[in-house]
């Protein structure tokens, strides 16, 4: 059980809710509350636990809550299924991840990368290590095969290449930084002893204030699609759909960059695809 993370998560989720979100009346006369979100006593009442016990949970001073209490608090905070699983893991009631670093990319996924047409794609693991990619991804982003294996990492590339890899049109949801913060926090609840991932998160937070702000939100809800802006040295700026798909039965994700057919950005991807391939793309490291 990670008491500190559990308390931070409960507090962050409580502060994002309005009374109306959980069926409670809003303040009379439209008056704003002095503090954001629900009050602790409101969450405790909705969950059927004592205010003192709930306060101690947020303060990382309470003993491990039972699965029944965690379920009740999850309902009180209107958590999604992903957030409920995250809460259970923080409380020590969910099984840890079965797979670990160095997981092999299934052959079928490797074959898929080469059949995507004008879609750049790579496969990464829970640590954001890039394990496989297609020629178009190497031409669009960087020659992954020329990098030392330790540098084939989404966050380390973002730190090194900056806007080339990770800039995106500004969104209220935080775009790329919100996505990787949610993915990293969820991964660390499954792999609480993964010191390499924890170090990576700390390094990125120091260099990317936007990521640090998103990390403090304790969000674990990632998005399937982002709009990503890539500044390519030859083709100029491309604004692409960046979609993430989970690989069934493995702790891996396929990240794909595409554009709607008939658009200038799709034409640029097609031109890039037709260029001679990067020598020895090493998409099977």
C-alpha atoms as a PDB file:
ATOM      1  CA  UNK A   1       0.000   0.000   0.000  1.00  0.00           C
ATOM      2  CA  UNK A   2       1.341   3.419  -0.990  1.00  0.00           C
ATOM      3  CA  UNK A   3      -0.259   5.708   1.607  1.00  0.00           C
ATOM      4  CA  UNK A   4       1.223   8.904   0.209  1.00  0.00           C
ATOM      5  CA  UNK A   5       0.106   8.261  -3.355  1.00  0.00           C
ATOM      6  CA  UNK A   6      -3.294   7.069  -2.143  1.00  0.00           C
ATOM      7  CA  UNK A   7      -3.846  10.267  -0.167  1.00  0.00           C
ATOM      8  CA  UNK A   8      -2.705  12.441  -3.063  1.00  0.00           C
ATOM      9  CA  UNK A   9      -4.965  10.665  -5.512  1.00  0.00           C
ATOM     10  CA  UNK A  10      -8.039  10.934  -3.265  1.00  0.00           C
ATOM     11  CA  UNK A  11      -7.420  14.622  -2.656  1.00  0.00           C
ATOM     12  CA  UNK A  12      -6.843  15.377  -6.347  1.00  0.00           C
ATOM     13  CA  UNK A  13     -10.008  13.581  -7.440  1.00  0.00           C
ATOM     14  CA  UNK A  14     -12.095  15.175  -4.667  1.00  0.00           C
ATOM     15  CA  UNK A  15     -10.965  18.655  -5.693  1.00  0.00           C
ATOM     16  CA  UNK A  16     -12.043  18.134  -9.315  1.00  0.00           C
ATOM     17  CA  UNK A  17     -15.674  17.396  -8.403  1.00  0.00           C
ATOM     18  CA  UNK A  18     -18.588  19.756  -7.992  1.00  0.00           C
ATOM     19  CA  UNK A  19     -21.506  18.866  -5.698  1.00  0.00           C
ATOM     20  CA  UNK A  20     -23.791  18.427  -8.706  1.00  0.00           C
ATOM     21  CA  UNK A  21     -21.410  15.768 -10.106  1.00  0.00           C
ATOM     22  CA  UNK A  22     -22.362  13.429  -7.263  1.00  0.00           C
ATOM     23  CA  UNK A  23     -25.993  14.465  -6.789  1.00  0.00           C
ATOM     24  CA  UNK A  24     -25.478  17.068  -4.061  1.00  0.00           C
ATOM     25  CA  UNK A  25     -27.069  20.544  -4.154  1.00  0.00           C
ATOM     26  CA  UNK A  26     -24.933  23.485  -5.217  1.00  0.00           C
ATOM     27  CA  UNK A  27     -24.442  26.378  -2.756  1.00  0.00           C
ATOM     28  CA  UNK A  28     -27.520  28.577  -2.516  1.00  0.00           C
ATOM     29  CA  UNK A  29     -27.497  31.764  -4.557  1.00  0.00           C
ATOM     30  CA  UNK A  30     -24.660  30.578  -6.784  1.00  0.00           C
ATOM     31  CA  UNK A  31     -22.051  31.381  -4.134  1.00  0.00           C
ATOM     32  CA  UNK A  32     -18.623  29.929  -4.817  1.00  0.00           C
ATOM     33  CA  UNK A  33     -17.026  27.625  -2.279  1.00  0.00           C
ATOM     34  CA  UNK A  34     -13.904  28.714  -0.466  1.00  0.00           C
ATOM     35  CA  UNK A  35     -12.100  25.495  -1.356  1.00  0.00           C
ATOM     36  CA  UNK A  36     -12.203  23.613  -4.684  1.00  0.00           C
ATOM     37  CA  UNK A  37     -14.269  20.492  -5.127  1.00  0.00           C
ATOM     38  CA  UNK A  38     -16.146  18.493  -2.555  1.00  0.00           C
ATOM     39  CA  UNK A  39     -15.548  18.718   1.167  1.00  0.00           C
ATOM     40  CA  UNK A  40     -14.018  15.744   2.953  1.00  0.00           C
ATOM     41  CA  UNK A  41     -17.134  15.298   5.052  1.00  0.00           C
ATOM     42  CA  UNK A  42     -19.249  15.089   1.886  1.00  0.00           C
ATOM     43  CA  UNK A  43     -17.087  12.308   0.438  1.00  0.00           C
ATOM     44  CA  UNK A  44     -17.102  10.469   3.768  1.00  0.00           C
ATOM     45  CA  UNK A  45     -20.885  10.693   3.984  1.00  0.00           C
ATOM     46  CA  UNK A  46     -21.327   9.457   0.400  1.00  0.00           C
ATOM     47  CA  UNK A  47     -18.943   6.549   1.058  1.00  0.00           C
ATOM     48  CA  UNK A  48     -20.457   5.647   4.433  1.00  0.00           C
ATOM     49  CA  UNK A  49     -17.218   6.064   6.402  1.00  0.00           C
ATOM     50  CA  UNK A  50     -16.324   8.383   9.259  1.00  0.00           C
ATOM     51  CA  UNK A  51     -14.983  11.831   8.450  1.00  0.00           C
ATOM     52  CA  UNK A  52     -11.988  11.179  10.687  1.00  0.00           C
ATOM     53  CA  UNK A  53     -11.082   7.990   8.833  1.00  0.00           C
ATOM     54  CA  UNK A  54     -11.402   9.625   5.413  1.00  0.00           C
ATOM     55  CA  UNK A  55      -9.291  12.590   6.541  1.00  0.00           C
ATOM     56  CA  UNK A  56      -6.611  10.180   7.743  1.00  0.00           C
ATOM     57  CA  UNK A  57      -6.651   8.433   4.348  1.00  0.00           C
ATOM     58  CA  UNK A  58      -5.942  11.729   2.576  1.00  0.00           C
ATOM     59  CA  UNK A  59      -3.265  12.530   5.149  1.00  0.00           C
ATOM     60  CA  UNK A  60      -1.545   9.130   4.615  1.00  0.00           C
ATOM     61  CA  UNK A  61      -2.116   8.178   8.273  1.00  0.00           C
ATOM     62  CA  UNK A  62      -4.851   5.533   8.038  1.00  0.00           C
ATOM     63  CA  UNK A  63      -4.413   1.744   7.994  1.00  0.00           C
ATOM     64  CA  UNK A  64      -5.079  -0.066   4.741  1.00  0.00           C
ATOM     65  CA  UNK A  65      -8.757   0.258   3.770  1.00  0.00           C
ATOM     66  CA  UNK A  66     -10.740  -2.861   2.942  1.00  0.00           C
ATOM     67  CA  UNK A  67     -11.816  -3.611  -0.641  1.00  0.00           C
ATOM     68  CA  UNK A  68     -15.371  -2.696   0.390  1.00  0.00           C
ATOM     69  CA  UNK A  69     -14.273   0.734   1.636  1.00  0.00           C
ATOM     70  CA  UNK A  70     -12.213   1.342  -1.514  1.00  0.00           C
ATOM     71  CA  UNK A  71     -15.224   0.410  -3.638  1.00  0.00           C
ATOM     72  CA  UNK A  72     -17.462   2.778  -1.662  1.00  0.00           C
ATOM     73  CA  UNK A  73     -14.993   5.655  -1.967  1.00  0.00           C
ATOM     74  CA  UNK A  74     -14.635   4.980  -5.691  1.00  0.00           C
ATOM     75  CA  UNK A  75     -18.393   5.321  -6.099  1.00  0.00           C
ATOM     76  CA  UNK A  76     -18.480   8.443  -3.926  1.00  0.00           C
ATOM     77  CA  UNK A  77     -15.840  10.109  -6.090  1.00  0.00           C
ATOM     78  CA  UNK A  78     -17.522   8.954  -9.333  1.00  0.00           C
ATOM     79  CA  UNK A  79     -14.300   7.286 -10.485  1.00  0.00           C
ATOM     80  CA  UNK A  80     -13.975   5.660 -13.886  1.00  0.00           C
ATOM     81  CA  UNK A  81     -13.061   1.982 -14.186  1.00  0.00           C
ATOM     82  CA  UNK A  82      -9.431   2.910 -14.871  1.00  0.00           C
ATOM     83  CA  UNK A  83      -9.370   5.164 -11.803  1.00  0.00           C
ATOM     84  CA  UNK A  84     -10.994   2.482  -9.607  1.00  0.00           C
ATOM     85  CA  UNK A  85      -8.341  -0.028 -10.635  1.00  0.00           C
ATOM     86  CA  UNK A  86      -5.678   2.568  -9.892  1.00  0.00           C
ATOM     87  CA  UNK A  87      -7.210   3.233  -6.455  1.00  0.00           C
ATOM     88  CA  UNK A  88      -7.301  -0.492  -5.677  1.00  0.00           C
ATOM     89  CA  UNK A  89      -3.631  -0.860  -6.602  1.00  0.00           C
ATOM     90  CA  UNK A  90      -2.672   2.094  -4.415  1.00  0.00           C
ATOM     91  CA  UNK A  91      -4.504   0.441  -1.518  1.00  0.00           C
ATOM     92  CA  UNK A  92      -2.710  -2.849  -2.145  1.00  0.00           C
ATOM     93  CA  UNK A  93      -5.748  -4.798  -3.370  1.00  0.00           C
ATOM     94  CA  UNK A  94      -4.842  -5.403  -7.025  1.00  0.00           C
ATOM     95  CA  UNK A  95      -2.336  -7.826  -8.519  1.00  0.00           C
ATOM     96  CA  UNK A  96       0.923  -6.274  -9.782  1.00  0.00           C
ATOM     97  CA  UNK A  97       1.794  -6.288 -13.455  1.00  0.00           C
ATOM     98  CA  UNK A  98       2.843  -9.723 -14.675  1.00  0.00           C
ATOM     99  CA  UNK A  99       5.186  -8.575 -17.423  1.00  0.00           C
ATOM    100  CA  UNK A 100       8.323  -6.528 -16.974  1.00  0.00           C
ATOM    101  CA  UNK A 101      10.941  -4.501 -18.839  1.00  0.00           C
ATOM    102  CA  UNK A 102      12.427  -6.150 -21.880  1.00  0.00           C
ATOM    103  CA  UNK A 103       9.101  -7.657 -22.958  1.00  0.00           C
ATOM    104  CA  UNK A 104       9.170  -9.019 -26.506  1.00  0.00           C
ATOM    105  CA  UNK A 105       7.004  -7.417 -29.182  1.00  0.00           C
ATOM    106  CA  UNK A 106       4.650 -10.105 -30.595  1.00  0.00           C
ATOM    107  CA  UNK A 107       5.495 -11.089 -34.203  1.00  0.00           C
ATOM    108  CA  UNK A 108       2.026 -10.113 -35.366  1.00  0.00           C
ATOM    109  CA  UNK A 109       2.550  -6.565 -34.095  1.00  0.00           C
ATOM    110  CA  UNK A 110       5.930  -6.362 -35.854  1.00  0.00           C
ATOM    111  CA  UNK A 111       4.266  -7.437 -39.095  1.00  0.00           C
ATOM    112  CA  UNK A 112       1.526  -4.862 -38.614  1.00  0.00           C
ATOM    113  CA  UNK A 113       4.036  -2.019 -38.445  1.00  0.00           C
ATOM    114  CA  UNK A 114       5.147  -2.786 -42.003  1.00  0.00           C
ATOM    115  CA  UNK A 115       1.588  -2.947 -43.373  1.00  0.00           C
ATOM    116  CA  UNK A 116       0.258   0.409 -42.249  1.00  0.00           C
ATOM    117  CA  UNK A 117       0.897   2.376 -45.440  1.00  0.00           C
ATOM    118  CA  UNK A 118       1.377   6.133 -44.852  1.00  0.00           C
ATOM    119  CA  UNK A 119       1.087   5.715 -41.079  1.00  0.00           C
ATOM    120  CA  UNK A 120       4.171   6.178 -38.915  1.00  0.00           C
ATOM    121  CA  UNK A 121       4.150   3.846 -35.913  1.00  0.00           C
ATOM    122  CA  UNK A 122       6.274   2.580 -33.075  1.00  0.00           C
ATOM    123  CA  UNK A 123       5.777   0.196 -30.137  1.00  0.00           C
ATOM    124  CA  UNK A 124       6.698   1.226 -26.598  1.00  0.00           C
ATOM    125  CA  UNK A 125       6.479  -0.365 -23.170  1.00  0.00           C
ATOM    126  CA  UNK A 126       5.402   0.907 -19.745  1.00  0.00           C
ATOM    127  CA  UNK A 127       8.701   2.779 -19.368  1.00  0.00           C
ATOM    128  CA  UNK A 128       8.109   4.539 -22.715  1.00  0.00           C
ATOM    129  CA  UNK A 129      11.039   2.623 -24.227  1.00  0.00           C
ATOM    130  CA  UNK A 130      10.626   2.349 -28.005  1.00  0.00           C
ATOM    131  CA  UNK A 131      11.036  -1.338 -28.871  1.00  0.00           C
ATOM    132  CA  UNK A 132      10.067  -1.437 -32.560  1.00  0.00           C
ATOM    133  CA  UNK A 133       9.106   0.980 -35.329  1.00  0.00           C
ATOM    134  CA  UNK A 134       8.460   1.186 -39.054  1.00  0.00           C
ATOM    135  CA  UNK A 135      10.504   3.026 -41.677  1.00  0.00           C
ATOM    136  CA  UNK A 136       8.079   5.939 -41.817  1.00  0.00           C
ATOM    137  CA  UNK A 137       8.365   6.567 -38.072  1.00  0.00           C
ATOM    138  CA  UNK A 138      12.165   6.671 -38.420  1.00  0.00           C
ATOM    139  CA  UNK A 139      11.874   9.118 -41.332  1.00  0.00           C
ATOM    140  CA  UNK A 140       9.306  11.281 -39.542  1.00  0.00           C
ATOM    141  CA  UNK A 141      10.782  11.477 -36.044  1.00  0.00           C
ATOM    142  CA  UNK A 142      14.390  10.276 -35.902  1.00  0.00           C
ATOM    143  CA  UNK A 143      16.542   7.332 -36.959  1.00  0.00           C
ATOM    144  CA  UNK A 144      15.866   5.202 -33.900  1.00  0.00           C
ATOM    145  CA  UNK A 145      18.336   2.577 -35.075  1.00  0.00           C
ATOM    146  CA  UNK A 146      21.198   5.092 -34.860  1.00  0.00           C
ATOM    147  CA  UNK A 147      20.462   5.828 -31.202  1.00  0.00           C
ATOM    148  CA  UNK A 148      21.911   3.936 -28.246  1.00  0.00           C
ATOM    149  CA  UNK A 149      19.181   1.658 -26.846  1.00  0.00           C
ATOM    150  CA  UNK A 150      18.955   3.761 -23.656  1.00  0.00           C
ATOM    151  CA  UNK A 151      18.005   6.809 -25.740  1.00  0.00           C
ATOM    152  CA  UNK A 152      15.175   5.033 -27.596  1.00  0.00           C
ATOM    153  CA  UNK A 153      12.628   6.406 -25.168  1.00  0.00           C
ATOM    154  CA  UNK A 154       9.703   8.739 -25.760  1.00  0.00           C
ATOM    155  CA  UNK A 155      10.450  11.007 -22.795  1.00  0.00           C
ATOM    156  CA  UNK A 156      14.201  11.102 -23.362  1.00  0.00           C
ATOM    157  CA  UNK A 157      13.601  11.990 -27.017  1.00  0.00           C
ATOM    158  CA  UNK A 158      11.192  14.711 -25.935  1.00  0.00           C
ATOM    159  CA  UNK A 159      13.902  16.104 -23.640  1.00  0.00           C
ATOM    160  CA  UNK A 160      16.511  15.960 -26.410  1.00  0.00           C
ATOM    161  CA  UNK A 161      14.504  16.881 -29.499  1.00  0.00           C
ATOM    162  CA  UNK A 162      11.830  19.047 -27.908  1.00  0.00           C
ATOM    163  CA  UNK A 163       9.219  20.279 -30.370  1.00  0.00           C
ATOM    164  CA  UNK A 164      10.331  17.849 -33.061  1.00  0.00           C
ATOM    165  CA  UNK A 165       8.742  15.008 -31.148  1.00  0.00           C
ATOM    166  CA  UNK A 166       6.250  16.170 -28.605  1.00  0.00           C
ATOM    167  CA  UNK A 167       4.771  19.577 -29.272  1.00  0.00           C
ATOM    168  CA  UNK A 168       1.034  19.691 -29.815  1.00  0.00           C
ATOM    169  CA  UNK A 169      -1.633  22.343 -30.329  1.00  0.00           C
ATOM    170  CA  UNK A 170      -2.487  23.731 -26.910  1.00  0.00           C
ATOM    171  CA  UNK A 171      -5.402  21.907 -25.340  1.00  0.00           C
ATOM    172  CA  UNK A 172      -7.177  22.328 -22.024  1.00  0.00           C
ATOM    173  CA  UNK A 173      -6.360  18.696 -21.309  1.00  0.00           C
ATOM    174  CA  UNK A 174      -2.602  19.259 -21.585  1.00  0.00           C
ATOM    175  CA  UNK A 175      -2.024  17.206 -24.728  1.00  0.00           C
ATOM    176  CA  UNK A 176       1.150  15.116 -24.804  1.00  0.00           C
ATOM    177  CA  UNK A 177       2.324  16.015 -21.310  1.00  0.00           C
ATOM    178  CA  UNK A 178      -1.031  15.085 -19.773  1.00  0.00           C
ATOM    179  CA  UNK A 179      -1.007  11.810 -21.692  1.00  0.00           C
ATOM    180  CA  UNK A 180       2.440  10.665 -20.607  1.00  0.00           C
ATOM    181  CA  UNK A 181       1.819  11.819 -17.030  1.00  0.00           C
ATOM    182  CA  UNK A 182      -1.330   9.682 -16.826  1.00  0.00           C
ATOM    183  CA  UNK A 183       0.364   6.694 -18.454  1.00  0.00           C
ATOM    184  CA  UNK A 184       3.420   6.967 -16.205  1.00  0.00           C
ATOM    185  CA  UNK A 185       1.453   7.309 -12.983  1.00  0.00           C
ATOM    186  CA  UNK A 186      -0.737   4.327 -13.858  1.00  0.00           C
ATOM    187  CA  UNK A 187       2.373   2.290 -14.737  1.00  0.00           C
ATOM    188  CA  UNK A 188       4.046   3.132 -11.434  1.00  0.00           C
ATOM    189  CA  UNK A 189       1.064   1.846  -9.483  1.00  0.00           C
ATOM    190  CA  UNK A 190       1.491  -1.471 -11.304  1.00  0.00           C
ATOM    191  CA  UNK A 191       5.284  -1.372 -10.935  1.00  0.00           C
ATOM    192  CA  UNK A 192       5.887   0.461  -7.638  1.00  0.00           C
ATOM    193  CA  UNK A 193       9.509  -0.738  -7.488  1.00  0.00           C
ATOM    194  CA  UNK A 194      10.428   0.328 -11.026  1.00  0.00           C
ATOM    195  CA  UNK A 195      13.216   2.733 -10.084  1.00  0.00           C
ATOM    196  CA  UNK A 196      14.147   3.369 -13.744  1.00  0.00           C
ATOM    197  CA  UNK A 197      10.665   4.664 -14.557  1.00  0.00           C
ATOM    198  CA  UNK A 198      10.554   6.738 -11.366  1.00  0.00           C
ATOM    199  CA  UNK A 199      13.917   8.315 -12.257  1.00  0.00           C
ATOM    200  CA  UNK A 200      12.741   9.021 -15.803  1.00  0.00           C
ATOM    201  CA  UNK A 201       9.606  10.753 -14.519  1.00  0.00           C
ATOM    202  CA  UNK A 202      11.693  12.870 -12.155  1.00  0.00           C
ATOM    203  CA  UNK A 203      14.088  13.909 -14.943  1.00  0.00           C
ATOM    204  CA  UNK A 204      11.257  14.862 -17.274  1.00  0.00           C
ATOM    205  CA  UNK A 205       9.421  16.803 -14.549  1.00  0.00           C
ATOM    206  CA  UNK A 206      12.552  18.904 -13.946  1.00  0.00           C
ATOM    207  CA  UNK A 207      12.842  19.816 -17.626  1.00  0.00           C
ATOM    208  CA  UNK A 208       9.169  20.117 -18.547  1.00  0.00           C
ATOM    209  CA  UNK A 209       7.104  22.334 -16.213  1.00  0.00           C
ATOM    210  CA  UNK A 210       3.947  21.381 -18.088  1.00  0.00           C
ATOM    211  CA  UNK A 211       4.552  17.720 -17.332  1.00  0.00           C
ATOM    212  CA  UNK A 212       5.259  18.502 -13.667  1.00  0.00           C
ATOM    213  CA  UNK A 213       1.941  20.348 -13.442  1.00  0.00           C
ATOM    214  CA  UNK A 214       0.088  17.436 -15.034  1.00  0.00           C
ATOM    215  CA  UNK A 215       1.856  14.948 -12.743  1.00  0.00           C
ATOM    216  CA  UNK A 216       0.568  16.818  -9.693  1.00  0.00           C
ATOM    217  CA  UNK A 217      -3.019  16.250 -10.870  1.00  0.00           C
ATOM    218  CA  UNK A 218      -2.760  12.484 -10.134  1.00  0.00           C
ATOM    219  CA  UNK A 219      -4.715  11.759 -13.324  1.00  0.00           C
ATOM    220  CA  UNK A 220      -4.642   8.218 -14.742  1.00  0.00           C
ATOM    221  CA  UNK A 221      -7.091   8.699 -17.609  1.00  0.00           C
ATOM    222  CA  UNK A 222      -5.101   8.608 -20.841  1.00  0.00           C
ATOM    223  CA  UNK A 223      -6.586   9.549 -24.192  1.00  0.00           C
ATOM    224  CA  UNK A 224      -6.714   7.316 -27.252  1.00  0.00           C
ATOM    225  CA  UNK A 225      -6.120  10.186 -29.704  1.00  0.00           C
ATOM    226  CA  UNK A 226      -4.112  13.427 -29.611  1.00  0.00           C
ATOM    227  CA  UNK A 227      -3.334  16.069 -32.190  1.00  0.00           C
ATOM    228  CA  UNK A 228       0.418  16.334 -32.481  1.00  0.00           C
ATOM    229  CA  UNK A 229       2.515  18.952 -34.248  1.00  0.00           C
ATOM    230  CA  UNK A 230       5.800  17.707 -35.675  1.00  0.00           C
ATOM    231  CA  UNK A 231       8.341  20.081 -37.182  1.00  0.00           C
ATOM    232  CA  UNK A 232      10.112  18.009 -39.838  1.00  0.00           C
ATOM    233  CA  UNK A 233      13.399  19.295 -41.181  1.00  0.00           C
ATOM    234  CA  UNK A 234      12.504  18.554 -44.817  1.00  0.00           C
ATOM    235  CA  UNK A 235       8.711  18.744 -45.005  1.00  0.00           C
ATOM    236  CA  UNK A 236       8.051  21.502 -42.499  1.00  0.00           C
ATOM    237  CA  UNK A 237       5.237  21.370 -39.978  1.00  0.00           C
ATOM    238  CA  UNK A 238       2.811  18.442 -39.923  1.00  0.00           C
ATOM    239  CA  UNK A 239      -0.219  18.295 -37.606  1.00  0.00           C
ATOM    240  CA  UNK A 240      -1.127  14.635 -37.224  1.00  0.00           C
ATOM    241  CA  UNK A 241      -3.569  12.419 -35.367  1.00  0.00           C
ATOM    242  CA  UNK A 242      -1.614  10.459 -32.777  1.00  0.00           C
ATOM    243  CA  UNK A 243      -3.506   7.334 -31.729  1.00  0.00           C
ATOM    244  CA  UNK A 244      -2.471   4.868 -29.046  1.00  0.00           C
ATOM    245  CA  UNK A 245      -3.618   1.249 -28.988  1.00  0.00           C
ATOM    246  CA  UNK A 246      -2.924  -1.293 -26.246  1.00  0.00           C
ATOM    247  CA  UNK A 247      -1.476  -4.661 -27.271  1.00  0.00           C
ATOM    248  CA  UNK A 248      -3.733  -7.407 -25.821  1.00  0.00           C
ATOM    249  CA  UNK A 249      -1.952  -9.670 -23.361  1.00  0.00           C
ATOM    250  CA  UNK A 250       1.141  -7.477 -23.114  1.00  0.00           C
ATOM    251  CA  UNK A 251       2.151  -4.266 -21.359  1.00  0.00           C
ATOM    252  CA  UNK A 252       2.838  -2.577 -24.690  1.00  0.00           C
ATOM    253  CA  UNK A 253       1.327   0.252 -26.731  1.00  0.00           C
ATOM    254  CA  UNK A 254       1.318   0.929 -30.470  1.00  0.00           C
ATOM    255  CA  UNK A 255       1.566   4.671 -31.179  1.00  0.00           C
ATOM    256  CA  UNK A 256       0.511   5.716 -34.685  1.00  0.00           C
ATOM    257  CA  UNK A 257       0.763   9.039 -36.518  1.00  0.00           C
ATOM    258  CA  UNK A 258      -1.633   9.585 -39.432  1.00  0.00           C
ATOM    259  CA  UNK A 259      -3.525  12.225 -41.368  1.00  0.00           C
ATOM    260  CA  UNK A 260      -6.851  12.241 -43.189  1.00  0.00           C
ATOM    261  CA  UNK A 261      -6.477  11.236 -46.864  1.00  0.00           C
ATOM    262  CA  UNK A 262      -6.598  14.186 -49.221  1.00  0.00           C
ATOM    263  CA  UNK A 263      -5.076  16.647 -46.758  1.00  0.00           C
ATOM    264  CA  UNK A 264      -1.664  18.302 -47.193  1.00  0.00           C
ATOM    265  CA  UNK A 265      -0.361  16.465 -44.143  1.00  0.00           C
ATOM    266  CA  UNK A 266      -1.395  13.100 -45.611  1.00  0.00           C
ATOM    267  CA  UNK A 267       0.369  14.033 -48.844  1.00  0.00           C
ATOM    268  CA  UNK A 268       3.524  14.834 -46.870  1.00  0.00           C
ATOM    269  CA  UNK A 269       3.406  11.459 -45.105  1.00  0.00           C
ATOM    270  CA  UNK A 270       2.959   9.716 -48.457  1.00  0.00           C
ATOM    271  CA  UNK A 271       5.966  11.543 -49.917  1.00  0.00           C
ATOM    272  CA  UNK A 272       8.007  10.595 -46.887  1.00  0.00           C
ATOM    273  CA  UNK A 273       6.912   6.977 -47.188  1.00  0.00           C
ATOM    274  CA  UNK A 274       8.067   6.834 -50.808  1.00  0.00           C
ATOM    275  CA  UNK A 275      11.539   8.069 -49.984  1.00  0.00           C
ATOM    276  CA  UNK A 276      14.346   5.490 -49.819  1.00  0.00           C
ATOM    277  CA  UNK A 277      14.236   3.773 -46.448  1.00  0.00           C
ATOM    278  CA  UNK A 278      16.647   4.673 -43.682  1.00  0.00           C
ATOM    279  CA  UNK A 279      19.543   2.177 -44.010  1.00  0.00           C
ATOM    280  CA  UNK A 280      19.102  -0.783 -41.672  1.00  0.00           C
ATOM    281  CA  UNK A 281      16.114   0.685 -39.805  1.00  0.00           C
ATOM    282  CA  UNK A 282      16.668  -1.806 -36.972  1.00  0.00           C
ATOM    283  CA  UNK A 283      12.986  -2.119 -36.269  1.00  0.00           C
ATOM    284  CA  UNK A 284      13.878  -5.437 -34.633  1.00  0.00           C
ATOM    285  CA  UNK A 285      16.379  -4.267 -32.000  1.00  0.00           C
END
